[in-house]
PDB file of N, CA and C in Angstrom:
ATOM      1  N   MET A   1      36.297  39.217 -18.484  1.00  0.00           N
ATOM      2  CA  MET A   1      35.999  37.674 -17.769  1.00  0.00           C
ATOM      3  C   MET A   1      36.820  36.652 -17.334  1.00  0.00           C
ATOM      4  N   GLN A   2      36.806  35.859 -19.040  1.00  0.00           N
ATOM      5  CA  GLN A   2      37.171  35.065 -19.701  1.00  0.00           C
ATOM      6  C   GLN A   2      38.635  35.014 -19.679  1.00  0.00           C
ATOM      7  N   LEU A   3      39.704  36.293 -19.399  1.00  0.00           N
ATOM      8  CA  LEU A   3      40.738  36.511 -19.290  1.00  0.00           C
ATOM      9  C   LEU A   3      41.540  36.169 -17.646  1.00  0.00           C
ATOM     10  N   ILE A   4      39.819  35.959 -17.416  1.00  0.00           N
ATOM     11  CA  ILE A   4      40.515  36.119 -16.060  1.00  0.00           C
ATOM     12  C   ILE A   4      40.095  35.517 -14.645  1.00  0.00           C
ATOM     13  N   LEU A   5      39.786  34.402 -15.497  1.00  0.00           N
ATOM     14  CA  LEU A   5      38.402  33.829 -14.142  1.00  0.00           C
ATOM     15  C   LEU A   5      39.702  31.979 -15.334  1.00  0.00           C
ATOM     16  N   VAL A   6      39.836  32.026 -16.253  1.00  0.00           N
ATOM     17  CA  VAL A   6      39.428  30.943 -16.773  1.00  0.00           C
ATOM     18  C   VAL A   6      41.044  30.685 -17.335  1.00  0.00           C
ATOM     19  N   GLU A   7      42.038  29.471 -16.797  1.00  0.00           N
ATOM     20  CA  GLU A   7      42.949  29.241 -17.575  1.00  0.00           C
ATOM     21  C   GLU A   7      43.312  29.348 -18.321  1.00  0.00           C
ATOM     22  N   GLU A   8      44.710  29.225 -19.113  1.00  0.00           N
ATOM     23  CA  GLU A   8      44.741  29.489 -20.675  1.00  0.00           C
ATOM     24  C   GLU A   8      44.334  28.660 -21.411  1.00  0.00           C
ATOM     25  N   ASP A   9      44.852  27.191 -20.588  1.00  0.00           N
ATOM     26  CA  ASP A   9      44.687  26.092 -21.232  1.00  0.00           C
ATOM     27  C   ASP A   9      43.535  25.661 -21.360  1.00  0.00           C
ATOM     28  N   LYS A  10      42.390  26.618 -20.843  1.00  0.00           N
ATOM     29  CA  LYS A  10      40.887  25.436 -21.005  1.00  0.00           C
ATOM     30  C   LYS A  10      40.210  27.272 -21.659  1.00  0.00           C
ATOM     31  N   ARG A  11      40.562  27.790 -22.048  1.00  0.00           N
ATOM     32  CA  ARG A  11      39.385  29.634 -23.104  1.00  0.00           C
ATOM     33  C   ARG A  11      39.004  28.979 -23.976  1.00  0.00           C
ATOM     34  N   GLY A  12      39.383  27.661 -24.669  1.00  0.00           N
ATOM     35  CA  GLY A  12      38.818  27.898 -25.698  1.00  0.00           C
ATOM     36  C   GLY A  12      37.340  26.390 -25.809  1.00  0.00           C
ATOM     37  N   ARG A  13      37.506  25.781 -24.498  1.00  0.00           N
ATOM     38  CA  ARG A  13      36.713  25.837 -23.616  1.00  0.00           C
ATOM     39  C   ARG A  13      35.538  25.780 -23.543  1.00  0.00           C
ATOM     40  N   VAL A  14      35.474  27.057 -22.181  1.00  0.00           N
ATOM     41  CA  VAL A  14      35.120  28.368 -22.538  1.00  0.00           C
ATOM     42  C   VAL A  14      34.394  29.627 -23.422  1.00  0.00           C
ATOM     43  N   THR A  15      34.928  29.562 -24.194  1.00  0.00           N
ATOM     44  CA  THR A  15      34.827  29.645 -25.085  1.00  0.00           C
ATOM     45  C   THR A  15      33.056  29.095 -26.086  1.00  0.00           C
ATOM     46  N   SER A  16      33.462  27.980 -26.060  1.00  0.00           N
ATOM     47  CA  SER A  16      32.663  27.500 -27.274  1.00  0.00           C
ATOM     48  C   SER A  16      31.670  27.289 -27.029  1.00  0.00           C
ATOM     49  N   ILE A  17      31.726  27.042 -25.019  1.00  0.00           N
ATOM     50  CA  ILE A  17      30.403  26.698 -23.797  1.00  0.00           C
ATOM     51  C   ILE A  17      29.428  27.604 -24.844  1.00  0.00           C
ATOM     52  N   PHE A  18      30.555  29.182 -24.257  1.00  0.00           N
ATOM     53  CA  PHE A  18      29.576  29.996 -24.636  1.00  0.00           C
ATOM     54  C   PHE A  18      29.131  30.450 -26.023  1.00  0.00           C
ATOM     55  N   MET A  19      29.576  30.390 -27.034  1.00  0.00           N
ATOM     56  CA  MET A  19      29.147  30.697 -27.936  1.00  0.00           C
ATOM     57  C   MET A  19      27.103  29.096 -27.921  1.00  0.00           C
ATOM     58  N   THR A  20      27.966  28.527 -27.673  1.00  0.00           N
ATOM     59  CA  THR A  20      26.439  27.296 -27.601  1.00  0.00           C
ATOM     60  C   THR A  20      25.344  28.038 -27.305  1.00  0.00           C
ATOM     61  N   THR A  21      26.024  28.148 -26.038  1.00  0.00           N
ATOM     62  CA  THR A  21      24.694  28.866 -24.782  1.00  0.00           C
ATOM     63  C   THR A  21      24.058  30.166 -25.615  1.00  0.00           C
ATOM     64  N   PHE A  22      25.020  30.865 -25.763  1.00  0.00           N
ATOM     65  CA  PHE A  22      24.279  32.354 -26.642  1.00  0.00           C
ATOM     66  C   PHE A  22      23.127  31.579 -27.523  1.00  0.00           C
ATOM     67  N   LEU A  23      24.069  31.107 -28.325  1.00  0.00           N
ATOM     68  CA  LEU A  23      23.993  30.664 -30.225  1.00  0.00           C
ATOM     69  C   LEU A  23      21.844  29.817 -29.648  1.00  0.00           C
ATOM     70  N   GLY A  24      22.230  29.167 -28.824  1.00  0.00           N
ATOM     71  CA  GLY A  24      20.929  28.220 -28.522  1.00  0.00           C
ATOM     72  C   GLY A  24      20.633  28.940 -28.131  1.00  0.00           C
ATOM     73  N   ILE A  25      20.097  29.745 -27.234  1.00  0.00           N
ATOM     74  CA  ILE A  25      19.277  30.487 -25.867  1.00  0.00           C
ATOM     75  C   ILE A  25      18.871  31.644 -26.878  1.00  0.00           C
ATOM     76  N   LEU A  26      19.334  32.723 -27.422  1.00  0.00           N
ATOM     77  CA  LEU A  26      18.075  33.508 -28.515  1.00  0.00           C
ATOM     78  C   LEU A  26      17.252  32.890 -28.484  1.00  0.00           C
ATOM     79  N   PRO A  27      16.801  31.654 -29.856  1.00  0.00           N
ATOM     80  CA  PRO A  27      15.877  31.286 -30.041  1.00  0.00           C
ATOM     81  C   PRO A  27      14.772  31.054 -29.471  1.00  0.00           C
ATOM     82  N   PHE A  28      14.872  30.761 -28.180  1.00  0.00           N
ATOM     83  CA  PHE A  28      13.650  30.492 -26.707  1.00  0.00           C
ATOM     84  C   PHE A  28      13.436  31.842 -27.011  1.00  0.00           C
ATOM     85  N   GLY A  29      14.531  33.206 -27.064  1.00  0.00           N
ATOM     86  CA  GLY A  29      13.749  34.259 -26.402  1.00  0.00           C
ATOM     87  C   GLY A  29      12.922  35.146 -27.923  1.00  0.00           C
ATOM     88  N   ASN A  30      12.845  34.475 -28.873  1.00  0.00           N
ATOM     89  CA  ASN A  30      12.970  35.433 -30.313  1.00  0.00           C
ATOM     90  C   ASN A  30      11.112  34.338 -29.819  1.00  0.00           C
ATOM     91  N   LEU A  31      11.098  33.374 -30.003  1.00  0.00           N
ATOM     92  CA  LEU A  31       9.966  32.672 -29.443  1.00  0.00           C
ATOM     93  C   LEU A  31       9.480  33.851 -28.416  1.00  0.00           C
ATOM     94  N   PHE A  32       9.662  33.185 -26.742  1.00  0.00           N
ATOM     95  CA  PHE A  32       8.948  34.431 -25.961  1.00  0.00           C
ATOM     96  C   PHE A  32       8.471  35.360 -26.393  1.00  0.00           C
ATOM     97  N   PHE A  33       9.355  36.847 -26.945  1.00  0.00           N
ATOM     98  CA  PHE A  33       8.801  37.839 -27.555  1.00  0.00           C
ATOM     99  C   PHE A  33       8.303  37.771 -28.203  1.00  0.00           C
ATOM    100  N   GLY A  34       8.463  36.685 -29.368  1.00  0.00           N
ATOM    101  CA  GLY A  34       7.156  37.624 -30.299  1.00  0.00           C
ATOM    102  C   GLY A  34       5.530  36.931 -29.956  1.00  0.00           C
ATOM    103  N   GLY A  35       5.502  35.512 -28.720  1.00  0.00           N
ATOM    104  CA  GLY A  35       4.615  35.401 -28.402  1.00  0.00           C
ATOM    105  C   GLY A  35       3.974  36.161 -27.270  1.00  0.00           C
ATOM    106  N   LEU A  36       4.582  37.244 -26.350  1.00  0.00           N
ATOM    107  CA  LEU A  36       4.917  38.153 -25.309  1.00  0.00           C
ATOM    108  C   LEU A  36       4.304  39.223 -26.585  1.00  0.00           C
ATOM    109  N   ALA A  37       4.296  39.460 -27.618  1.00  0.00           N
ATOM    110  CA  ALA A  37       4.083  40.267 -28.713  1.00  0.00           C
ATOM    111  C   ALA A  37       2.847  39.820 -29.356  1.00  0.00           C
ATOM    112  N   ASN A  38       2.687  38.707 -29.785  1.00  0.00           N
ATOM    113  CA  ASN A  38       1.004  38.799 -29.587  1.00  0.00           C
ATOM    114  C   ASN A  38       0.302  39.047 -28.705  1.00  0.00           C
ATOM    115  N   TYR A  39       0.656  38.610 -27.173  1.00  0.00           N
ATOM    116  CA  TYR A  39      -0.394  39.128 -26.179  1.00  0.00           C
ATOM    117  C   TYR A  39      -0.857  40.283 -25.979  1.00  0.00           C
ATOM    118  N   ILE A  40       0.091  40.986 -25.784  1.00  0.00           N
ATOM    119  CA  ILE A  40       0.286  42.090 -25.174  1.00  0.00           C
ATOM    120  C   ILE A  40       0.236  43.454 -25.787  1.00  0.00           C
ATOM    121  N   GLY A  41       0.980  42.830 -27.289  1.00  0.00           N
ATOM    122  CA  GLY A  41       1.089  44.010 -27.772  1.00  0.00           C
ATOM    123  C   GLY A  41       2.507  43.962 -28.761  1.00  0.00           C
ATOM    124  N   VAL A  42       3.733  44.676 -29.337  1.00  0.00           N
ATOM    125  CA  VAL A  42       4.279  44.983 -29.116  1.00  0.00           C
ATOM    126  C   VAL A  42       5.066  45.803 -28.845  1.00  0.00           C
ATOM    127  N   ALA A  43       3.823  46.598 -29.190  1.00  0.00           N
ATOM    128  CA  ALA A  43       4.801  48.393 -27.403  1.00  0.00           C
ATOM    129  C   ALA A  43       4.962  48.161 -26.468  1.00  0.00           C
ATOM    130  N   ASN A  44       3.800  46.919 -25.865  1.00  0.00           N
ATOM    131  CA  ASN A  44       4.063  46.873 -24.024  1.00  0.00           C
ATOM    132  C   ASN A  44       6.195  45.651 -24.664  1.00  0.00           C
ATOM    133  N   ALA A  45       5.345  44.425 -25.307  1.00  0.00           N
ATOM    134  CA  ALA A  45       6.656  43.506 -25.472  1.00  0.00           C
ATOM    135  C   ALA A  45       8.278  44.365 -25.298  1.00  0.00           C
ATOM    136  N   LEU A  46       7.605  45.786 -25.892  1.00  0.00           N
ATOM    137  CA  LEU A  46       9.302  46.653 -26.274  1.00  0.00           C
ATOM    138  C   LEU A  46       9.628  46.588 -25.124  1.00  0.00           C
ATOM    139  N   LEU A  47       8.786  47.956 -24.706  1.00  0.00           N
ATOM    140  CA  LEU A  47       8.214  48.243 -23.399  1.00  0.00           C
ATOM    141  C   LEU A  47       9.102  47.289 -22.528  1.00  0.00           C
ATOM    142  N   PHE A  48       7.933  46.325 -22.020  1.00  0.00           N
ATOM    143  CA  PHE A  48       8.674  45.350 -20.961  1.00  0.00           C
ATOM    144  C   PHE A  48      10.704  44.347 -21.727  1.00  0.00           C
ATOM    145  N   GLY A  49      10.962  44.328 -22.602  1.00  0.00           N
ATOM    146  CA  GLY A  49      12.262  44.220 -22.933  1.00  0.00           C
ATOM    147  C   GLY A  49      12.860  45.596 -23.235  1.00  0.00           C
ATOM    148  N   GLY A  50      12.335  47.040 -22.257  1.00  0.00           N
ATOM    149  CA  GLY A  50      13.844  47.678 -22.599  1.00  0.00           C
ATOM    150  C   GLY A  50      13.244  48.041 -21.469  1.00  0.00           C
ATOM    151  N   VAL A  51      11.903  47.136 -19.939  1.00  0.00           N
ATOM    152  CA  VAL A  51      12.482  47.892 -18.903  1.00  0.00           C
ATOM    153  C   VAL A  51      14.151  46.685 -18.242  1.00  0.00           C
ATOM    154  N   CYS A  52      14.048  45.218 -18.561  1.00  0.00           N
ATOM    155  CA  CYS A  52      14.841  44.853 -17.993  1.00  0.00           C
ATOM    156  C   CYS A  52      16.042  45.225 -18.732  1.00  0.00           C
ATOM    157  N   CYS A  53      15.672  45.074 -19.548  1.00  0.00           N
ATOM    158  CA  CYS A  53      16.998  45.616 -19.048  1.00  0.00           C
ATOM    159  C   CYS A  53      18.087  46.947 -18.793  1.00  0.00           C
ATOM    160  N   ILE A  54      17.217  47.974 -18.220  1.00  0.00           N
ATOM    161  CA  ILE A  54      17.596  48.768 -17.471  1.00  0.00           C
ATOM    162  C   ILE A  54      17.614  47.930 -16.173  1.00  0.00           C
ATOM    163  N   LEU A  55      17.060  47.474 -15.933  1.00  0.00           N
ATOM    164  CA  LEU A  55      17.166  46.668 -14.133  1.00  0.00           C
ATOM    165  C   LEU A  55      18.268  45.504 -14.541  1.00  0.00           C
ATOM    166  N   GLY A  56      18.988  45.220 -15.858  1.00  0.00           N
ATOM    167  CA  GLY A  56      19.727  44.229 -15.658  1.00  0.00           C
ATOM    168  C   GLY A  56      20.646  45.077 -14.958  1.00  0.00           C
ATOM    169  N   ALA A  57      21.218  46.479 -16.081  1.00  0.00           N
ATOM    170  CA  ALA A  57      21.396  47.136 -15.990  1.00  0.00           C
ATOM    171  C   ALA A  57      22.146  47.751 -14.853  1.00  0.00           C
ATOM    172  N   TYR A  58      21.435  48.190 -13.825  1.00  0.00           N
ATOM    173  CA  TYR A  58      21.352  48.782 -12.618  1.00  0.00           C
ATOM    174  C   TYR A  58      22.475  47.342 -12.527  1.00  0.00           C
ATOM    175  N   PHE A  59      21.930  46.032 -11.499  1.00  0.00           N
ATOM    176  CA  PHE A  59      22.258  45.281 -11.621  1.00  0.00           C
ATOM    177  C   PHE A  59      23.810  45.262 -11.666  1.00  0.00           C
ATOM    178  N   PHE A  60      24.168  44.661 -12.604  1.00  0.00           N
ATOM    179  CA  PHE A  60      25.606  44.844 -12.803  1.00  0.00           C
ATOM    180  C   PHE A  60      26.629  46.322 -12.446  1.00  0.00           C
ATOM    181  N   ALA A  61      24.861  47.130 -12.233  1.00  0.00           N
ATOM    182  CA  ALA A  61      26.334  48.646 -12.468  1.00  0.00           C
ATOM    183  C   ALA A  61      26.514  49.005 -10.881  1.00  0.00           C
ATOM    184  N   LYS A  62      25.110  47.617  -9.626  1.00  0.00           N
ATOM    185  CA  LYS A  62      25.698  47.784  -7.802  1.00  0.00           C
ATOM    186  C   LYS A  62      26.704  46.607  -7.847  1.00  0.00           C
ATOM    187  N   GLN A  63      27.157  45.706  -8.909  1.00  0.00           N
ATOM    188  CA  GLN A  63      28.997  45.366  -8.470  1.00  0.00           C
ATOM    189  C   GLN A  63      29.465  45.315  -9.585  1.00  0.00           C
ATOM    190  N   LEU A  64      29.903  46.659 -10.345  1.00  0.00           N
ATOM    191  CA  LEU A  64      31.468  46.441 -10.603  1.00  0.00           C
ATOM    192  C   LEU A  64      32.049  46.660  -9.751  1.00  0.00           C
ATOM    193  N   SER A  65      31.426  47.682  -8.100  1.00  0.00           N
ATOM    194  CA  SER A  65      32.562  47.507  -7.621  1.00  0.00           C
ATOM    195  C   SER A  65      33.267  46.470  -6.772  1.00  0.00           C
ATOM    196  N   SER A  66      33.380  45.258  -6.339  1.00  0.00           N
ATOM    197  CA  SER A  66      33.655  44.018  -6.904  1.00  0.00           C
ATOM    198  C   SER A  66      33.691  42.943  -7.977  1.00  0.00           C
ATOM    199  N   ILE A  67      34.016  43.752  -8.980  1.00  0.00           N
ATOM    200  CA  ILE A  67      33.810  43.154 -10.206  1.00  0.00           C
ATOM    201  C   ILE A  67      35.519  44.019 -10.371  1.00  0.00           C
ATOM    202  N   ARG A  68      36.121  44.979 -10.233  1.00  0.00           N
ATOM    203  CA  ARG A  68      37.151  46.476  -9.817  1.00  0.00           C
ATOM    204  C   ARG A  68      37.803  45.423  -8.843  1.00  0.00           C
ATOM    205  N   LYS A  69      37.968  45.372  -8.211  1.00  0.00           N
ATOM    206  CA  LYS A  69      38.284  44.285  -6.658  1.00  0.00           C
ATOM    207  C   LYS A  69      38.984  43.380  -7.365  1.00  0.00           C
ATOM    208  N   VAL A  70      38.197  42.187  -8.232  1.00  0.00           N
ATOM    209  CA  VAL A  70      38.891  41.737  -8.826  1.00  0.00           C
ATOM    210  C   VAL A  70      39.635  41.575  -9.705  1.00  0.00           C
ATOM    211  N   VAL A  71      39.699  42.307 -10.559  1.00  0.00           N
ATOM    212  CA  VAL A  71      39.989  43.183 -11.960  1.00  0.00           C
ATOM    213  C   VAL A  71      41.445  43.905 -11.965  1.00  0.00           C
ATOM    214  N   ASN A  72      41.508  44.982 -10.303  1.00  0.00           N
ATOM    215  CA  ASN A  72      42.759  45.266 -10.493  1.00  0.00           C
ATOM    216  C   ASN A  72      44.076  44.877 -10.386  1.00  0.00           C
ATOM    217  N   PRO A  73      43.421  43.858  -9.888  1.00  0.00           N
ATOM    218  CA  PRO A  73      45.741  42.767  -9.748  1.00  0.00           C
ATOM    219  C   PRO A  73      45.700  42.185 -10.387  1.00  0.00           C
ATOM    220  N   ILE A  74      45.047  41.960 -11.420  1.00  0.00           N
ATOM    221  CA  ILE A  74      45.489  40.850 -12.632  1.00  0.00           C
ATOM    222  C   ILE A  74      46.058  42.313 -13.676  1.00  0.00           C
ATOM    223  N   TYR A  75      45.422  42.938 -13.718  1.00  0.00           N
ATOM    224  CA  TYR A  75      45.021  44.963 -14.545  1.00  0.00           C
ATOM    225  C   TYR A  75      46.440  45.721 -13.741  1.00  0.00           C
TER     226      TYR A  75
END
């Protein structure tokens, strides 16, 4: 996506913002799932995380056709 949507002279900025948000949000996710595991149990917290991943994959799969329309002219 970075190659497609971002101008060449701005790619470093986009990469730095991505890494800052990714590394900055990761501890909050760990804290959330740690608290969730403490509240509902480890197995249920892992089940919740797995269901969230499956739902995210489903919504991503629904968007693939529109992503292909954007990517195909470039590649």
